[in-house]
Amino acid sequence: MPHSSTGRGRPRLESTDDRILQAALELLRAKGPAAVNVDAVAARSGVARTTIYRRYRSRDELMAAVLERLFDPAVLPPDLPVGEKLRWVLDRISDILENRLGPGATAAVVADTDPEFTAAVRARLAGRLSGLTDLMNADIKTGRLHATVDPDTVLGVLIGAYLAEVLRFGSPRPGWTDRVLGFVTPAVTAETD
């Protein structure tokens, strides 16, 4: 069974770490950051509070570990056609809001009910999205995107379109991604891709 050493005492079991973080993620996704506390994580994971406190000295440390797990560094292939890049972005937006943050955490960010959590999520999103804006700027320089395209606005339109679809229908309807791309791609593309 895999474990890591903390330098003193018994080695830490990775399965225990996973149970703690999985429980915290489930609470965050379902009910938002206010639901993530050591008592709730202990109850959901079956791990003793003292064990959790040995790994995370505070709720803030636990939340930082949860956020690290939420945002993996997915990399967009730079040689994709513009339409496929936009599809990739929409897929990542859906994954972040639906699967990683979930409705509880997404609602908390939109409503800014926990400013510290909101700031941490925005900082991590900015880090993930900076590579996308760099690629869009490169596509502008090579003439694949209109010179007037603002990458941040394009990302905002895609995120907003996803949120509006979820607000109106609960989840994206079949064919929604294709319809969005059919609208956005010609508006930003400078040449036939």
Protein backbone atom coordinates (compact mmCIF):
# COMPACT_ATOMS: atom_id res chain seq x y z
CA MET A 1 0.00 0.00 0.00
CA PRO A 2 1.57 3.35 -1.06
CA HIS A 3 2.48 5.82 1.64
CA SER A 4 4.62 8.85 2.16
CA SER A 5 6.84 9.75 5.04
CA THR A 6 6.34 12.82 7.18
CA GLY A 7 9.66 12.44 8.98
CA ARG A 8 8.21 11.40 12.35
CA GLY A 9 5.74 8.80 13.52
CA ARG A 10 3.92 6.40 11.25
CA PRO A 11 4.10 6.87 7.48
CA ARG A 12 1.12 8.58 5.89
CA LEU A 13 -1.14 6.42 3.76
CA GLU A 14 -1.90 7.95 0.39
CA SER A 15 -5.31 6.28 0.47
CA THR A 16 -6.15 8.31 3.59
CA ASP A 17 -5.03 11.51 1.85
CA ASP A 18 -7.18 10.57 -1.14
CA ARG A 19 -10.24 9.91 1.05
CA ILE A 20 -9.84 13.27 2.79
CA LEU A 21 -9.46 15.22 -0.45
CA GLN A 22 -12.23 13.30 -2.21
CA ALA A 23 -14.64 14.03 0.64
CA ALA A 24 -13.69 17.71 0.60
CA LEU A 25 -14.16 17.84 -3.19
CA GLU A 26 -17.59 16.22 -2.96
CA LEU A 27 -18.70 18.74 -0.34
CA LEU A 28 -17.31 21.63 -2.38
CA ARG A 29 -18.97 20.50 -5.61
CA ALA A 30 -22.34 19.90 -4.02
CA LYS A 31 -22.64 22.72 -1.51
CA GLY A 32 -19.80 25.19 -2.06
CA PRO A 33 -16.81 26.20 0.05
CA ALA A 34 -18.86 26.97 3.18
CA ALA A 35 -19.66 23.24 3.46
CA VAL A 36 -15.98 22.27 3.59
CA ASN A 37 -14.84 22.08 7.19
CA VAL A 38 -12.89 19.48 9.12
CA ASP A 39 -15.98 18.05 10.87
CA ALA A 40 -17.87 17.60 7.60
CA VAL A 41 -14.83 16.12 5.84
CA ALA A 42 -14.25 13.71 8.75
CA ALA A 43 -17.88 12.59 8.67
CA ARG A 44 -17.92 12.12 4.90
CA SER A 45 -14.50 10.44 4.60
CA GLY A 46 -14.56 8.32 7.74
CA VAL A 47 -11.14 9.73 8.66
CA ALA A 48 -10.66 11.01 12.21
CA ARG A 49 -10.45 14.76 12.74
CA THR A 50 -7.04 14.35 14.39
CA THR A 51 -5.74 12.57 11.29
CA ILE A 52 -7.03 15.37 9.08
CA TYR A 53 -5.40 17.99 11.31
CA ARG A 54 -2.09 16.10 11.12
CA ARG A 55 -2.17 16.59 7.36
CA TYR A 56 -3.77 20.04 7.17
CA ARG A 57 -3.21 22.43 10.07
CA SER A 58 -6.22 24.52 9.07
CA ARG A 59 -9.22 24.64 6.78
CA ASP A 60 -7.23 27.04 4.58
CA GLU A 61 -4.52 24.41 4.03
CA LEU A 62 -7.18 21.81 3.24
CA MET A 63 -8.89 24.15 0.74
CA ALA A 64 -5.53 24.92 -0.92
CA ALA A 65 -4.93 21.18 -1.39
CA VAL A 66 -8.44 20.77 -2.82
CA LEU A 67 -7.90 23.61 -5.30
CA GLU A 68 -4.58 22.13 -6.40
CA ARG A 69 -6.42 18.94 -7.27
CA LEU A 70 -9.15 20.78 -9.17
CA PHE A 71 -7.04 22.54 -11.76
CA ASP A 72 -4.76 20.29 -13.76
CA PRO A 73 -2.50 21.86 -16.36
CA ALA A 74 -4.29 20.69 -19.53
CA VAL A 75 -2.42 21.85 -22.62
CA LEU A 76 -4.10 22.92 -25.85
CA PRO A 77 -2.38 21.54 -28.95
CA PRO A 78 -1.21 24.69 -30.83
CA ASP A 79 -1.59 23.25 -34.33
CA LEU A 80 -5.35 22.67 -34.19
CA PRO A 81 -7.59 24.64 -36.54
CA VAL A 82 -9.33 27.61 -34.88
CA GLY A 83 -12.70 25.83 -34.67
CA GLU A 84 -11.15 22.83 -32.95
CA LYS A 85 -9.30 25.10 -30.52
CA LEU A 86 -12.58 26.75 -29.61
CA ARG A 87 -14.19 23.30 -29.18
CA TRP A 88 -11.31 22.32 -26.89
CA VAL A 89 -11.88 25.49 -24.84
CA LEU A 90 -15.63 24.81 -24.54
CA ASP A 91 -14.90 21.24 -23.43
CA ARG A 92 -12.52 22.56 -20.74
CA ILE A 93 -15.04 25.17 -19.58
CA SER A 94 -17.66 22.45 -19.22
CA ASP A 95 -15.22 20.21 -17.36
CA ILE A 96 -14.15 22.97 -14.95
CA LEU A 97 -17.63 24.24 -14.14
CA GLU A 98 -19.54 20.97 -14.20
CA ASN A 99 -17.08 18.30 -13.05
CA ARG A 100 -14.32 20.05 -11.18
CA LEU A 101 -15.99 22.97 -9.39
CA GLY A 102 -19.50 21.58 -9.58
CA PRO A 103 -22.65 23.63 -9.05
CA GLY A 104 -21.93 24.45 -5.40
CA ALA A 105 -18.50 25.96 -5.96
CA THR A 106 -19.50 27.63 -9.24
CA ALA A 107 -22.44 29.33 -7.52
CA ALA A 108 -20.14 30.45 -4.70
CA VAL A 109 -17.73 32.04 -7.18
CA VAL A 110 -20.51 33.76 -9.15
CA ALA A 111 -22.14 35.08 -5.97
CA ASP A 112 -18.75 35.76 -4.33
CA THR A 113 -20.01 34.27 -1.05
CA ASP A 114 -16.46 33.43 0.02
CA PRO A 115 -14.15 36.16 -1.34
CA GLU A 116 -10.97 34.27 -0.44
CA PHE A 117 -12.18 31.15 -2.27
CA THR A 118 -13.33 33.25 -5.24
CA ALA A 119 -9.92 34.94 -5.47
CA ALA A 120 -8.12 31.57 -5.30
CA VAL A 121 -10.32 30.07 -8.05
CA ARG A 122 -9.92 33.15 -10.25
CA ALA A 123 -6.13 33.07 -9.83
CA ARG A 124 -5.99 29.40 -10.82
CA LEU A 125 -8.34 29.97 -13.77
CA ALA A 126 -6.20 32.88 -14.92
CA GLY A 127 -3.17 30.60 -14.85
CA ARG A 128 -4.95 27.96 -16.91
CA LEU A 129 -6.40 30.43 -19.37
CA SER A 130 -3.22 32.45 -19.95
CA GLY A 131 -1.91 29.74 -22.29
CA LEU A 132 -5.11 29.96 -24.31
CA THR A 133 -4.87 33.71 -24.68
CA ASP A 134 -1.23 33.34 -25.74
CA LEU A 135 -2.28 30.88 -28.46
CA MET A 136 -5.05 33.20 -29.63
CA ASN A 137 -2.61 36.10 -29.77
CA ALA A 138 -0.29 33.91 -31.87
CA ASP A 139 -3.21 33.09 -34.18
CA ILE A 140 -3.90 36.83 -34.54
CA LYS A 141 -0.26 37.45 -35.51
CA THR A 142 -0.36 34.66 -38.12
CA GLY A 143 -3.67 35.89 -39.56
CA ARG A 144 -5.79 32.92 -38.49
CA LEU A 145 -7.90 35.19 -36.25
CA HIS A 146 -9.15 38.69 -37.03
CA ALA A 147 -6.73 41.38 -35.87
CA THR A 148 -9.53 42.94 -33.80
CA VAL A 149 -10.18 39.80 -31.74
CA ASP A 150 -9.66 40.20 -28.01
CA PRO A 151 -8.83 36.76 -26.56
CA ASP A 152 -10.27 37.61 -23.13
CA THR A 153 -13.56 38.63 -24.72
CA VAL A 154 -13.72 35.39 -26.71
CA LEU A 155 -13.15 33.38 -23.53
CA GLY A 156 -15.78 35.47 -21.76
CA VAL A 157 -18.29 34.82 -24.54
CA LEU A 158 -17.65 31.07 -24.34
CA ILE A 159 -17.89 30.95 -20.54
CA GLY A 160 -20.99 33.13 -20.59
CA ALA A 161 -22.63 30.98 -23.26
CA TYR A 162 -22.01 27.87 -21.18
CA LEU A 163 -23.38 29.45 -17.99
CA ALA A 164 -26.46 30.77 -19.83
CA GLU A 165 -27.18 27.32 -21.27
CA VAL A 166 -26.92 25.71 -17.83
CA LEU A 167 -29.10 28.40 -16.24
CA ARG A 168 -31.78 28.02 -18.89
CA PHE A 169 -31.80 24.25 -19.40
CA GLY A 170 -29.91 22.67 -16.49
CA SER A 171 -27.17 21.34 -18.77
CA PRO A 172 -26.05 21.85 -22.37
CA ARG A 173 -28.58 20.46 -24.82
CA PRO A 174 -27.54 17.97 -27.52
CA GLY A 175 -25.69 19.76 -30.30
CA TRP A 176 -25.20 22.91 -28.22
CA THR A 177 -21.40 22.95 -28.63
CA ASP A 178 -21.71 22.69 -32.43
CA ARG A 179 -24.25 25.55 -32.52
CA VAL A 180 -22.04 27.80 -30.39
CA LEU A 181 -19.00 27.03 -32.52
CA GLY A 182 -21.01 27.60 -35.70
CA PHE A 183 -21.76 31.09 -34.41
CA VAL A 184 -18.43 32.05 -32.82
CA THR A 185 -15.87 30.49 -35.19
CA PRO A 186 -16.81 32.51 -38.31
CA ALA A 187 -16.96 35.68 -36.22
CA VAL A 188 -13.33 35.39 -35.08
CA THR A 189 -11.66 33.52 -37.94
CA ALA A 190 -9.78 35.61 -40.50
CA GLU A 191 -9.18 32.85 -43.02
CA THR A 192 -10.66 29.49 -43.92
CA ASP A 193 -9.22 27.04 -41.42
